[in-house]
């Protein structure tokens, strides 16, 4: 499992310039105009920059990458957790859903889909 903070930004290019130029992270090409990831090549520490989610009704505060998103979905349904965005396979190759954690934080639970 990996957890990635999703930082809401109004301008992707400006935010990437800050995180790469000032902080020293390296940009990762994602091929999407609404999200970018910047990573420390030595440690793998990273941030994800998001202007707005392309398909979900709310932006998420963080992404939890799991090995089996279908099993995670079943656990969420069994636990009665509030679903913000249903389980879907997105056109950019991610299978995901959003839930609301205690305190109101929206969490994107995702798995790369082949």
PDB file of N, CA and C in Angstrom:
ATOM      1  N   UNK A   1       0.842  -1.165   0.000  1.00  0.00           N
ATOM      2  CA  UNK A   1       0.000   0.000   0.000  1.00  0.00           C
ATOM      3  C   UNK A   1       0.893   1.235   0.000  1.00  0.00           C
ATOM      4  N   UNK A   2       0.437   2.248  -0.719  1.00  0.00           N
ATOM      5  CA  UNK A   2       1.136   3.534  -0.753  1.00  0.00           C
ATOM      6  C   UNK A   2       0.113   4.643  -0.566  1.00  0.00           C
ATOM      7  N   UNK A   3       0.496   5.684   0.168  1.00  0.00           N
ATOM      8  CA  UNK A   3      -0.393   6.815   0.403  1.00  0.00           C
ATOM      9  C   UNK A   3       0.234   8.059  -0.221  1.00  0.00           C
ATOM     10  N   UNK A   4      -0.559   8.776  -1.017  1.00  0.00           N
ATOM     11  CA  UNK A   4      -0.097   9.970  -1.704  1.00  0.00           C
ATOM     12  C   UNK A   4      -0.965  11.156  -1.318  1.00  0.00           C
ATOM     13  N   UNK A   5      -0.372  12.242  -0.807  1.00  0.00           N
ATOM     14  CA  UNK A   5      -1.175  13.434  -0.547  1.00  0.00           C
ATOM     15  C   UNK A   5      -1.572  14.096  -1.868  1.00  0.00           C
ATOM     16  N   UNK A   6      -2.829  14.505  -1.956  1.00  0.00           N
ATOM     17  CA  UNK A   6      -3.337  15.228  -3.123  1.00  0.00           C
ATOM     18  C   UNK A   6      -3.520  16.682  -2.721  1.00  0.00           C
ATOM     19  N   UNK A   7      -2.725  17.562  -3.294  1.00  0.00           N
ATOM     20  CA  UNK A   7      -2.777  18.980  -2.966  1.00  0.00           C
ATOM     21  C   UNK A   7      -3.592  19.715  -4.021  1.00  0.00           C
ATOM     22  N   UNK A   8      -4.657  20.388  -3.592  1.00  0.00           N
ATOM     23  CA  UNK A   8      -5.477  21.160  -4.524  1.00  0.00           C
ATOM     24  C   UNK A   8      -4.709  22.428  -4.905  1.00  0.00           C
ATOM     25  N   UNK A   9      -4.571  22.646  -6.205  1.00  0.00           N
ATOM     26  CA  UNK A   9      -3.868  23.822  -6.714  1.00  0.00           C
ATOM     27  C   UNK A   9      -4.689  24.445  -7.850  1.00  0.00           C
ATOM     28  N   UNK A  10      -4.656  25.765  -7.985  1.00  0.00           N
ATOM     29  CA  UNK A  10      -5.404  26.385  -9.081  1.00  0.00           C
ATOM     30  C   UNK A  10      -4.687  26.278 -10.428  1.00  0.00           C
ATOM     31  N   UNK A  11      -3.367  26.124 -10.417  1.00  0.00           N
ATOM     32  CA  UNK A  11      -2.585  26.119 -11.658  1.00  0.00           C
ATOM     33  C   UNK A  11      -1.520  25.028 -11.571  1.00  0.00           C
ATOM     34  N   UNK A  12      -1.673  23.984 -12.379  1.00  0.00           N
ATOM     35  CA  UNK A  12      -0.744  22.845 -12.359  1.00  0.00           C
ATOM     36  C   UNK A  12       0.675  23.290 -12.695  1.00  0.00           C
ATOM     37  N   UNK A  13       0.837  24.046 -13.773  1.00  0.00           N
ATOM     38  CA  UNK A  13       2.188  24.442 -14.205  1.00  0.00           C
ATOM     39  C   UNK A  13       2.908  25.242 -13.129  1.00  0.00           C
ATOM     40  N   UNK A  14       2.215  26.183 -12.523  1.00  0.00           N
ATOM     41  CA  UNK A  14       2.817  26.986 -11.453  1.00  0.00           C
ATOM     42  C   UNK A  14       3.206  26.108 -10.263  1.00  0.00           C
ATOM     43  N   UNK A  15       2.335  25.186  -9.889  1.00  0.00           N
ATOM     44  CA  UNK A  15       2.623  24.299  -8.761  1.00  0.00           C
ATOM     45  C   UNK A  15       3.802  23.375  -9.064  1.00  0.00           C
ATOM     46  N   UNK A  16       3.866  22.847 -10.277  1.00  0.00           N
ATOM     47  CA  UNK A  16       4.992  21.982 -10.652  1.00  0.00           C
ATOM     48  C   UNK A  16       6.291  22.768 -10.591  1.00  0.00           C
ATOM     49  N   UNK A  17       6.278  23.997 -11.055  1.00  0.00           N
ATOM     50  CA  UNK A  17       7.488  24.834 -10.989  1.00  0.00           C
ATOM     51  C   UNK A  17       7.949  25.003  -9.542  1.00  0.00           C
ATOM     52  N   UNK A  18       7.024  25.220  -8.634  1.00  0.00           N
ATOM     53  CA  UNK A  18       7.390  25.357  -7.221  1.00  0.00           C
ATOM     54  C   UNK A  18       7.979  24.059  -6.687  1.00  0.00           C
ATOM     55  N   UNK A  19       7.265  22.949  -6.847  1.00  0.00           N
ATOM     56  CA  UNK A  19       7.698  21.680  -6.252  1.00  0.00           C
ATOM     57  C   UNK A  19       8.978  21.133  -6.883  1.00  0.00           C
ATOM     58  N   UNK A  20       9.244  21.495  -8.142  1.00  0.00           N
ATOM     59  CA  UNK A  20      10.482  21.039  -8.774  1.00  0.00           C
ATOM     60  C   UNK A  20      11.599  22.060  -8.577  1.00  0.00           C
ATOM     61  N   UNK A  21      11.312  23.326  -8.778  1.00  0.00           N
ATOM     62  CA  UNK A  21      12.343  24.362  -8.702  1.00  0.00           C
ATOM     63  C   UNK A  21      12.742  24.742  -7.290  1.00  0.00           C
ATOM     64  N   UNK A  22      11.784  24.872  -6.390  1.00  0.00           N
ATOM     65  CA  UNK A  22      12.068  25.311  -5.022  1.00  0.00           C
ATOM     66  C   UNK A  22      12.346  24.125  -4.111  1.00  0.00           C
ATOM     67  N   UNK A  23      11.498  23.118  -4.178  1.00  0.00           N
ATOM     68  CA  UNK A  23      11.633  21.968  -3.280  1.00  0.00           C
ATOM     69  C   UNK A  23      12.622  20.931  -3.811  1.00  0.00           C
ATOM     70  N   UNK A  24      12.766  20.848  -5.143  1.00  0.00           N
ATOM     71  CA  UNK A  24      13.748  19.935  -5.726  1.00  0.00           C
ATOM     72  C   UNK A  24      13.216  18.572  -6.129  1.00  0.00           C
ATOM     73  N   UNK A  25      11.889  18.424  -6.214  1.00  0.00           N
ATOM     74  CA  UNK A  25      11.322  17.159  -6.668  1.00  0.00           C
ATOM     75  C   UNK A  25      11.378  17.085  -8.191  1.00  0.00           C
ATOM     76  N   UNK A  26      11.239  15.899  -8.729  1.00  0.00           N
ATOM     77  CA  UNK A  26      11.255  15.705 -10.177  1.00  0.00           C
ATOM     78  C   UNK A  26       9.826  15.479 -10.666  1.00  0.00           C
ATOM     79  N   UNK A  27       9.450  16.102 -11.782  1.00  0.00           N
ATOM     80  CA  UNK A  27       8.098  15.898 -12.303  1.00  0.00           C
ATOM     81  C   UNK A  27       7.955  14.510 -12.911  1.00  0.00           C
ATOM     82  N   UNK A  28       6.780  13.919 -12.767  1.00  0.00           N
ATOM     83  CA  UNK A  28       6.460  12.649 -13.421  1.00  0.00           C
ATOM     84  C   UNK A  28       5.390  12.931 -14.460  1.00  0.00           C
ATOM     85  N   UNK A  29       5.582  12.455 -15.660  1.00  0.00           N
ATOM     86  CA  UNK A  29       4.603  12.672 -16.722  1.00  0.00           C
ATOM     87  C   UNK A  29       3.411  11.750 -16.507  1.00  0.00           C
ATOM     88  N   UNK A  30       2.225  12.331 -16.390  1.00  0.00           N
ATOM     89  CA  UNK A  30       1.008  11.542 -16.205  1.00  0.00           C
ATOM     90  C   UNK A  30       0.102  11.629 -17.425  1.00  0.00           C
ATOM     91  N   UNK A  31       0.356  12.611 -18.296  1.00  0.00           N
ATOM     92  CA  UNK A  31      -0.438  12.739 -19.508  1.00  0.00           C
ATOM     93  C   UNK A  31      -1.846  13.275 -19.288  1.00  0.00           C
ATOM     94  N   UNK A  32      -2.085  13.896 -18.132  1.00  0.00           N
ATOM     95  CA  UNK A  32      -3.396  14.463 -17.833  1.00  0.00           C
ATOM     96  C   UNK A  32      -3.220  15.936 -17.492  1.00  0.00           C
ATOM     97  N   UNK A  33      -4.156  16.776 -17.922  1.00  0.00           N
ATOM     98  CA  UNK A  33      -3.987  18.213 -17.694  1.00  0.00           C
ATOM     99  C   UNK A  33      -4.499  18.690 -16.344  1.00  0.00           C
ATOM    100  N   UNK A  34      -5.109  17.829 -15.554  1.00  0.00           N
ATOM    101  CA  UNK A  34      -5.692  18.247 -14.272  1.00  0.00           C
ATOM    102  C   UNK A  34      -4.956  17.689 -13.055  1.00  0.00           C
ATOM    103  N   UNK A  35      -3.936  16.858 -13.282  1.00  0.00           N
ATOM    104  CA  UNK A  35      -3.193  16.257 -12.177  1.00  0.00           C
ATOM    105  C   UNK A  35      -1.733  16.067 -12.582  1.00  0.00           C
ATOM    106  N   UNK A  36      -0.829  16.261 -11.622  1.00  0.00           N
ATOM    107  CA  UNK A  36       0.600  16.036 -11.852  1.00  0.00           C
ATOM    108  C   UNK A  36       1.193  15.469 -10.572  1.00  0.00           C
ATOM    109  N   UNK A  37       2.269  14.711 -10.712  1.00  0.00           N
ATOM    110  CA  UNK A  37       2.958  14.155  -9.543  1.00  0.00           C
ATOM    111  C   UNK A  37       4.413  14.601  -9.602  1.00  0.00           C
ATOM    112  N   UNK A  38       4.947  14.988  -8.437  1.00  0.00           N
ATOM    113  CA  UNK A  38       6.356  15.359  -8.313  1.00  0.00           C
ATOM    114  C   UNK A  38       6.962  14.476  -7.234  1.00  0.00           C
ATOM    115  N   UNK A  39       8.136  13.899  -7.543  1.00  0.00           N
ATOM    116  CA  UNK A  39       8.722  12.864  -6.689  1.00  0.00           C
ATOM    117  C   UNK A  39      10.194  13.133  -6.426  1.00  0.00           C
ATOM    118  N   UNK A  40      10.634  12.770  -5.222  1.00  0.00           N
ATOM    119  CA  UNK A  40      12.061  12.780  -4.905  1.00  0.00           C
ATOM    120  C   UNK A  40      12.647  11.485  -5.464  1.00  0.00           C
ATOM    121  N   UNK A  41      13.533  11.557  -6.458  1.00  0.00           N
ATOM    122  CA  UNK A  41      14.067  10.343  -7.071  1.00  0.00           C
ATOM    123  C   UNK A  41      14.836   9.449  -6.094  1.00  0.00           C
ATOM    124  N   UNK A  42      15.421  10.037  -5.065  1.00  0.00           N
ATOM    125  CA  UNK A  42      16.216   9.262  -4.120  1.00  0.00           C
ATOM    126  C   UNK A  42      15.351   8.496  -3.122  1.00  0.00           C
ATOM    127  N   UNK A  43      14.276   9.119  -2.658  1.00  0.00           N
ATOM    128  CA  UNK A  43      13.478   8.492  -1.599  1.00  0.00           C
ATOM    129  C   UNK A  43      12.123   7.983  -2.057  1.00  0.00           C
ATOM    130  N   UNK A  44      11.637   8.520  -3.184  1.00  0.00           N
ATOM    131  CA  UNK A  44      10.297   8.164  -3.642  1.00  0.00           C
ATOM    132  C   UNK A  44       9.201   9.003  -3.006  1.00  0.00           C
ATOM    133  N   UNK A  45       9.555   9.882  -2.068  1.00  0.00           N
ATOM    134  CA  UNK A  45       8.556  10.772  -1.466  1.00  0.00           C
ATOM    135  C   UNK A  45       7.944  11.621  -2.575  1.00  0.00           C
ATOM    136  N   UNK A  46       6.644  11.847  -2.501  1.00  0.00           N
ATOM    137  CA  UNK A  46       5.994  12.567  -3.586  1.00  0.00           C
ATOM    138  C   UNK A  46       4.738  13.297  -3.132  1.00  0.00           C
ATOM    139  N   UNK A  47       4.306  14.228  -3.977  1.00  0.00           N
ATOM    140  CA  UNK A  47       3.038  14.917  -3.826  1.00  0.00           C
ATOM    141  C   UNK A  47       2.316  14.833  -5.161  1.00  0.00           C
ATOM    142  N   UNK A  48       1.008  14.844  -5.089  1.00  0.00           N
ATOM    143  CA  UNK A  48       0.195  14.870  -6.291  1.00  0.00           C
ATOM    144  C   UNK A  48      -0.548  16.202  -6.300  1.00  0.00           C
ATOM    145  N   UNK A  49      -0.505  16.900  -7.408  1.00  0.00           N
ATOM    146  CA  UNK A  49      -1.100  18.217  -7.553  1.00  0.00           C
ATOM    147  C   UNK A  49      -2.352  18.077  -8.405  1.00  0.00           C
ATOM    148  N   UNK A  50      -3.481  18.588  -7.903  1.00  0.00           N
ATOM    149  CA  UNK A  50      -4.765  18.381  -8.571  1.00  0.00           C
ATOM    150  C   UNK A  50      -5.516  19.704  -8.663  1.00  0.00           C
ATOM    151  N   UNK A  51      -5.949  20.066  -9.884  1.00  0.00           N
ATOM    152  CA  UNK A  51      -6.785  21.263 -10.025  1.00  0.00           C
ATOM    153  C   UNK A  51      -8.240  20.925  -9.723  1.00  0.00           C
ATOM    154  N   UNK A  52      -8.706  19.807 -10.220  1.00  0.00           N
ATOM    155  CA  UNK A  52     -10.054  19.290  -9.982  1.00  0.00           C
ATOM    156  C   UNK A  52     -10.079  17.862 -10.491  1.00  0.00           C
ATOM    157  N   UNK A  53     -10.814  17.002  -9.863  1.00  0.00           N
ATOM    158  CA  UNK A  53     -10.884  15.621 -10.325  1.00  0.00           C
ATOM    159  C   UNK A  53     -11.723  15.556 -11.591  1.00  0.00           C
ATOM    160  N   UNK A  54     -11.279  14.789 -12.550  1.00  0.00           N
ATOM    161  CA  UNK A  54     -11.942  14.736 -13.853  1.00  0.00           C
ATOM    162  C   UNK A  54     -13.308  14.064 -13.814  1.00  0.00           C
ATOM    163  N   UNK A  55     -13.538  13.133 -12.895  1.00  0.00           N
ATOM    164  CA  UNK A  55     -14.810  12.411 -12.920  1.00  0.00           C
ATOM    165  C   UNK A  55     -15.546  12.359 -11.591  1.00  0.00           C
ATOM    166  N   UNK A  56     -14.874  12.615 -10.492  1.00  0.00           N
ATOM    167  CA  UNK A  56     -15.511  12.509  -9.174  1.00  0.00           C
ATOM    168  C   UNK A  56     -16.213  13.820  -8.807  1.00  0.00           C
ATOM    169  N   UNK A  57     -17.259  13.744  -7.976  1.00  0.00           N
ATOM    170  CA  UNK A  57     -17.982  14.953  -7.596  1.00  0.00           C
ATOM    171  C   UNK A  57     -17.233  15.831  -6.594  1.00  0.00           C
ATOM    172  N   UNK A  58     -16.218  15.269  -5.930  1.00  0.00           N
ATOM    173  CA  UNK A  58     -15.402  16.022  -4.971  1.00  0.00           C
ATOM    174  C   UNK A  58     -13.940  15.653  -5.190  1.00  0.00           C
ATOM    175  N   UNK A  59     -13.050  16.567  -4.830  1.00  0.00           N
ATOM    176  CA  UNK A  59     -11.619  16.263  -4.874  1.00  0.00           C
ATOM    177  C   UNK A  59     -11.246  15.472  -3.626  1.00  0.00           C
ATOM    178  N   UNK A  60     -10.271  14.606  -3.764  1.00  0.00           N
ATOM    179  CA  UNK A  60      -9.802  13.823  -2.617  1.00  0.00           C
ATOM    180  C   UNK A  60      -8.588  14.491  -1.987  1.00  0.00           C
ATOM    181  N   UNK A  61      -8.425  14.276  -0.693  1.00  0.00           N
ATOM    182  CA  UNK A  61      -7.284  14.834   0.031  1.00  0.00           C
ATOM    183  C   UNK A  61      -6.060  13.951  -0.110  1.00  0.00           C
ATOM    184  N   UNK A  62      -6.282  12.662  -0.341  1.00  0.00           N
ATOM    185  CA  UNK A  62      -5.166  11.739  -0.524  1.00  0.00           C
ATOM    186  C   UNK A  62      -5.618  10.530  -1.305  1.00  0.00           C
ATOM    187  N   UNK A  63      -4.634   9.824  -1.859  1.00  0.00           N
ATOM    188  CA  UNK A  63      -4.880   8.600  -2.598  1.00  0.00           C
ATOM    189  C   UNK A  63      -4.194   7.453  -1.876  1.00  0.00           C
ATOM    190  N   UNK A  64      -4.938   6.378  -1.671  1.00  0.00           N
ATOM    191  CA  UNK A  64      -4.384   5.156  -1.100  1.00  0.00           C
ATOM    192  C   UNK A  64      -4.360   4.132  -2.226  1.00  0.00           C
ATOM    193  N   UNK A  65      -3.157   3.729  -2.625  1.00  0.00           N
ATOM    194  CA  UNK A  65      -3.021   2.719  -3.677  1.00  0.00           C
ATOM    195  C   UNK A  65      -3.013   1.347  -3.025  1.00  0.00           C
ATOM    196  N   UNK A  66      -3.886   0.472  -3.509  1.00  0.00           N
ATOM    197  CA  UNK A  66      -4.023  -0.869  -2.952  1.00  0.00           C
ATOM    198  C   UNK A  66      -3.733  -1.904  -4.024  1.00  0.00           C
ATOM    199  N   UNK A  67      -3.469  -3.141  -3.587  1.00  0.00           N
ATOM    200  CA  UNK A  67      -3.210  -4.234  -4.515  1.00  0.00           C
ATOM    201  C   UNK A  67      -4.483  -4.840  -5.087  1.00  0.00           C
ATOM    202  N   UNK A  68      -5.603  -4.728  -4.345  1.00  0.00           N
ATOM    203  CA  UNK A  68      -6.872  -5.319  -4.777  1.00  0.00           C
ATOM    204  C   UNK A  68      -8.007  -4.355  -4.467  1.00  0.00           C
ATOM    205  N   UNK A  69      -8.318  -3.481  -5.415  1.00  0.00           N
ATOM    206  CA  UNK A  69      -9.338  -2.465  -5.190  1.00  0.00           C
ATOM    207  C   UNK A  69     -10.731  -3.086  -5.050  1.00  0.00           C
ATOM    208  N   UNK A  70     -10.962  -4.224  -5.688  1.00  0.00           N
ATOM    209  CA  UNK A  70     -12.267  -4.869  -5.565  1.00  0.00           C
ATOM    210  C   UNK A  70     -12.485  -5.391  -4.143  1.00  0.00           C
ATOM    211  N   UNK A  71     -11.446  -5.929  -3.535  1.00  0.00           N
ATOM    212  CA  UNK A  71     -11.542  -6.385  -2.142  1.00  0.00           C
ATOM    213  C   UNK A  71     -11.742  -5.192  -1.210  1.00  0.00           C
ATOM    214  N   UNK A  72     -11.040  -4.086  -1.482  1.00  0.00           N
ATOM    215  CA  UNK A  72     -11.206  -2.883  -0.664  1.00  0.00           C
ATOM    216  C   UNK A  72     -12.631  -2.348  -0.800  1.00  0.00           C
ATOM    217  N   UNK A  73     -13.180  -2.387  -1.998  1.00  0.00           N
ATOM    218  CA  UNK A  73     -14.554  -1.949  -2.245  1.00  0.00           C
ATOM    219  C   UNK A  73     -15.534  -2.792  -1.419  1.00  0.00           C
ATOM    220  N   UNK A  74     -15.343  -4.108  -1.431  1.00  0.00           N
ATOM    221  CA  UNK A  74     -16.215  -4.996  -0.660  1.00  0.00           C
ATOM    222  C   UNK A  74     -16.133  -4.683   0.836  1.00  0.00           C
ATOM    223  N   UNK A  75     -14.935  -4.395   1.329  1.00  0.00           N
ATOM    224  CA  UNK A  75     -14.755  -4.051   2.743  1.00  0.00           C
ATOM    225  C   UNK A  75     -15.477  -2.752   3.091  1.00  0.00           C
ATOM    226  N   UNK A  76     -15.393  -1.766   2.213  1.00  0.00           N
ATOM    227  CA  UNK A  76     -16.055  -0.481   2.431  1.00  0.00           C
ATOM    228  C   UNK A  76     -17.570  -0.668   2.481  1.00  0.00           C
ATOM    229  N   UNK A  77     -18.103  -1.429   1.543  1.00  0.00           N
ATOM    230  CA  UNK A  77     -19.549  -1.658   1.524  1.00  0.00           C
ATOM    231  C   UNK A  77     -20.003  -2.400   2.777  1.00  0.00           C
ATOM    232  N   UNK A  78     -19.244  -3.412   3.186  1.00  0.00           N
ATOM    233  CA  UNK A  78     -19.597  -4.183   4.379  1.00  0.00           C
ATOM    234  C   UNK A  78     -19.544  -3.323   5.640  1.00  0.00           C
ATOM    235  N   UNK A  79     -18.632  -2.354   5.666  1.00  0.00           N
ATOM    236  CA  UNK A  79     -18.466  -1.494   6.842  1.00  0.00           C
ATOM    237  C   UNK A  79     -19.459  -0.337   6.866  1.00  0.00           C
ATOM    238  N   UNK A  80     -20.157  -0.109   5.763  1.00  0.00           N
ATOM    239  CA  UNK A  80     -21.118   0.985   5.717  1.00  0.00           C
ATOM    240  C   UNK A  80     -20.497   2.361   5.628  1.00  0.00           C
ATOM    241  N   UNK A  81     -19.279   2.436   5.109  1.00  0.00           N
ATOM    242  CA  UNK A  81     -18.585   3.719   4.951  1.00  0.00           C
ATOM    243  C   UNK A  81     -19.263   4.521   3.835  1.00  0.00           C
ATOM    244  N   UNK A  82     -19.338   5.848   4.009  1.00  0.00           N
ATOM    245  CA  UNK A  82     -19.952   6.703   2.987  1.00  0.00           C
ATOM    246  C   UNK A  82     -19.127   6.691   1.697  1.00  0.00           C
ATOM    247  N   UNK A  83     -19.765   6.342   0.603  1.00  0.00           N
ATOM    248  CA  UNK A  83     -19.127   6.345  -0.712  1.00  0.00           C
ATOM    249  C   UNK A  83     -19.385   7.704  -1.365  1.00  0.00           C
ATOM    250  N   UNK A  84     -18.319   8.356  -1.811  1.00  0.00           N
ATOM    251  CA  UNK A  84     -18.412   9.654  -2.468  1.00  0.00           C
ATOM    252  C   UNK A  84     -18.425   9.485  -3.976  1.00  0.00           C
ATOM    253  N   UNK A  85     -17.693   8.487  -4.473  1.00  0.00           N
ATOM    254  CA  UNK A  85     -17.573   8.202  -5.906  1.00  0.00           C
ATOM    255  C   UNK A  85     -17.519   6.683  -6.040  1.00  0.00           C
ATOM    256  N   UNK A  86     -18.385   6.075  -6.841  1.00  0.00           N
ATOM    257  CA  UNK A  86     -18.450   4.616  -6.907  1.00  0.00           C
ATOM    258  C   UNK A  86     -17.223   3.994  -7.579  1.00  0.00           C
ATOM    259  N   UNK A  87     -17.087   2.705  -7.420  1.00  0.00           N
ATOM    260  CA  UNK A  87     -15.988   1.963  -8.047  1.00  0.00           C
ATOM    261  C   UNK A  87     -16.135   2.021  -9.567  1.00  0.00           C
ATOM    262  N   UNK A  88     -15.106   2.541 -10.222  1.00  0.00           N
ATOM    263  CA  UNK A  88     -15.098   2.662 -11.685  1.00  0.00           C
ATOM    264  C   UNK A  88     -13.687   2.407 -12.202  1.00  0.00           C
ATOM    265  N   UNK A  89     -13.614   2.029 -13.467  1.00  0.00           N
ATOM    266  CA  UNK A  89     -12.339   1.956 -14.165  1.00  0.00           C
ATOM    267  C   UNK A  89     -12.263   3.191 -15.052  1.00  0.00           C
ATOM    268  N   UNK A  90     -11.295   4.051 -14.757  1.00  0.00           N
ATOM    269  CA  UNK A  90     -11.163   5.314 -15.467  1.00  0.00           C
ATOM    270  C   UNK A  90     -10.433   5.129 -16.795  1.00  0.00           C
ATOM    271  N   UNK A  91     -10.688   5.999 -17.770  1.00  0.00           N
ATOM    272  CA  UNK A  91     -10.037   5.885 -19.078  1.00  0.00           C
ATOM    273  C   UNK A  91      -8.520   5.967 -19.027  1.00  0.00           C
ATOM    274  N   UNK A  92      -7.957   6.570 -17.962  1.00  0.00           N
ATOM    275  CA  UNK A  92      -6.501   6.717 -17.866  1.00  0.00           C
ATOM    276  C   UNK A  92      -5.846   5.531 -17.162  1.00  0.00           C
ATOM    277  N   UNK A  93      -6.584   4.429 -16.965  1.00  0.00           N
ATOM    278  CA  UNK A  93      -5.980   3.187 -16.499  1.00  0.00           C
ATOM    279  C   UNK A  93      -5.962   2.970 -15.006  1.00  0.00           C
ATOM    280  N   UNK A  94      -6.843   3.634 -14.270  1.00  0.00           N
ATOM    281  CA  UNK A  94      -6.922   3.458 -12.819  1.00  0.00           C
ATOM    282  C   UNK A  94      -8.323   2.965 -12.473  1.00  0.00           C
ATOM    283  N   UNK A  95      -8.392   1.982 -11.600  1.00  0.00           N
ATOM    284  CA  UNK A  95      -9.669   1.512 -11.065  1.00  0.00           C
ATOM    285  C   UNK A  95      -9.741   2.069  -9.654  1.00  0.00           C
ATOM    286  N   UNK A  96     -10.835   2.787  -9.315  1.00  0.00           N
ATOM    287  CA  UNK A  96     -10.848   3.517  -8.058  1.00  0.00           C
ATOM    288  C   UNK A  96     -12.258   3.818  -7.565  1.00  0.00           C
ATOM    289  N   UNK A  97     -12.307   4.250  -6.305  1.00  0.00           N
ATOM    290  CA  UNK A  97     -13.518   4.794  -5.706  1.00  0.00           C
ATOM    291  C   UNK A  97     -13.104   5.765  -4.618  1.00  0.00           C
ATOM    292  N   UNK A  98     -14.031   6.634  -4.203  1.00  0.00           N
ATOM    293  CA  UNK A  98     -13.761   7.603  -3.151  1.00  0.00           C
ATOM    294  C   UNK A  98     -14.682   7.309  -1.971  1.00  0.00           C
ATOM    295  N   UNK A  99     -14.156   7.475  -0.768  1.00  0.00           N
ATOM    296  CA  UNK A  99     -14.955   7.362   0.456  1.00  0.00           C
ATOM    297  C   UNK A  99     -14.710   8.595   1.320  1.00  0.00           C
ATOM    298  N   UNK A 100     -15.626   8.807   2.271  1.00  0.00           N
ATOM    299  CA  UNK A 100     -15.435   9.884   3.236  1.00  0.00           C
ATOM    300  C   UNK A 100     -15.005   9.252   4.555  1.00  0.00           C
ATOM    301  N   UNK A 101     -13.809   9.601   5.010  1.00  0.00           N
ATOM    302  CA  UNK A 101     -13.272   9.100   6.278  1.00  0.00           C
ATOM    303  C   UNK A 101     -13.863   9.903   7.427  1.00  0.00           C
ATOM    304  N   UNK A 102     -13.739   9.386   8.649  1.00  0.00           N
ATOM    305  CA  UNK A 102     -14.183  10.173   9.806  1.00  0.00           C
ATOM    306  C   UNK A 102     -13.518  11.550   9.787  1.00  0.00           C
ATOM    307  N   UNK A 103     -14.280  12.575  10.095  1.00  0.00           N
ATOM    308  CA  UNK A 103     -13.770  13.939  10.045  1.00  0.00           C
ATOM    309  C   UNK A 103     -14.038  14.617   8.714  1.00  0.00           C
ATOM    310  N   UNK A 104     -14.532  13.859   7.734  1.00  0.00           N
ATOM    311  CA  UNK A 104     -14.913  14.437   6.457  1.00  0.00           C
ATOM    312  C   UNK A 104     -13.897  14.369   5.341  1.00  0.00           C
ATOM    313  N   UNK A 105     -12.713  13.837   5.604  1.00  0.00           N
ATOM    314  CA  UNK A 105     -11.671  13.767   4.577  1.00  0.00           C
ATOM    315  C   UNK A 105     -12.093  12.790   3.474  1.00  0.00           C
ATOM    316  N   UNK A 106     -11.984  13.225   2.219  1.00  0.00           N
ATOM    317  CA  UNK A 106     -12.307  12.374   1.082  1.00  0.00           C
ATOM    318  C   UNK A 106     -11.040  11.645   0.653  1.00  0.00           C
ATOM    319  N   UNK A 107     -11.152  10.299   0.566  1.00  0.00           N
ATOM    320  CA  UNK A 107     -10.015   9.439   0.244  1.00  0.00           C
ATOM    321  C   UNK A 107     -10.280   8.712  -1.074  1.00  0.00           C
ATOM    322  N   UNK A 108      -9.317   8.787  -1.981  1.00  0.00           N
ATOM    323  CA  UNK A 108      -9.349   8.079  -3.256  1.00  0.00           C
ATOM    324  C   UNK A 108      -8.647   6.740  -3.028  1.00  0.00           C
ATOM    325  N   UNK A 109      -9.348   5.630  -3.199  1.00  0.00           N
ATOM    326  CA  UNK A 109      -8.745   4.302  -3.056  1.00  0.00           C
ATOM    327  C   UNK A 109      -8.623   3.738  -4.468  1.00  0.00           C
ATOM    328  N   UNK A 110      -7.382   3.433  -4.877  1.00  0.00           N
ATOM    329  CA  UNK A 110      -7.124   3.162  -6.282  1.00  0.00           C
ATOM    330  C   UNK A 110      -6.144   2.021  -6.496  1.00  0.00           C
ATOM    331  N   UNK A 111      -6.251   1.444  -7.704  1.00  0.00           N
ATOM    332  CA  UNK A 111      -5.320   0.417  -8.175  1.00  0.00           C
ATOM    333  C   UNK A 111      -5.099   0.674  -9.662  1.00  0.00           C
ATOM    334  N   UNK A 112      -3.845   0.599 -10.096  1.00  0.00           N
ATOM    335  CA  UNK A 112      -3.580   0.695 -11.537  1.00  0.00           C
ATOM    336  C   UNK A 112      -4.199  -0.506 -12.199  1.00  0.00           C
ATOM    337  N   UNK A 113      -4.870  -0.268 -13.317  1.00  0.00           N
ATOM    338  CA  UNK A 113      -5.607  -1.318 -14.024  1.00  0.00           C
ATOM    339  C   UNK A 113      -4.925  -1.592 -15.347  1.00  0.00           C
ATOM    340  N   UNK A 114      -4.739  -2.847 -15.649  1.00  0.00           N
ATOM    341  CA  UNK A 114      -4.061  -3.210 -16.905  1.00  0.00           C
ATOM    342  C   UNK A 114      -4.982  -3.120 -18.084  1.00  0.00           C
TER     343      UNK A 114
END
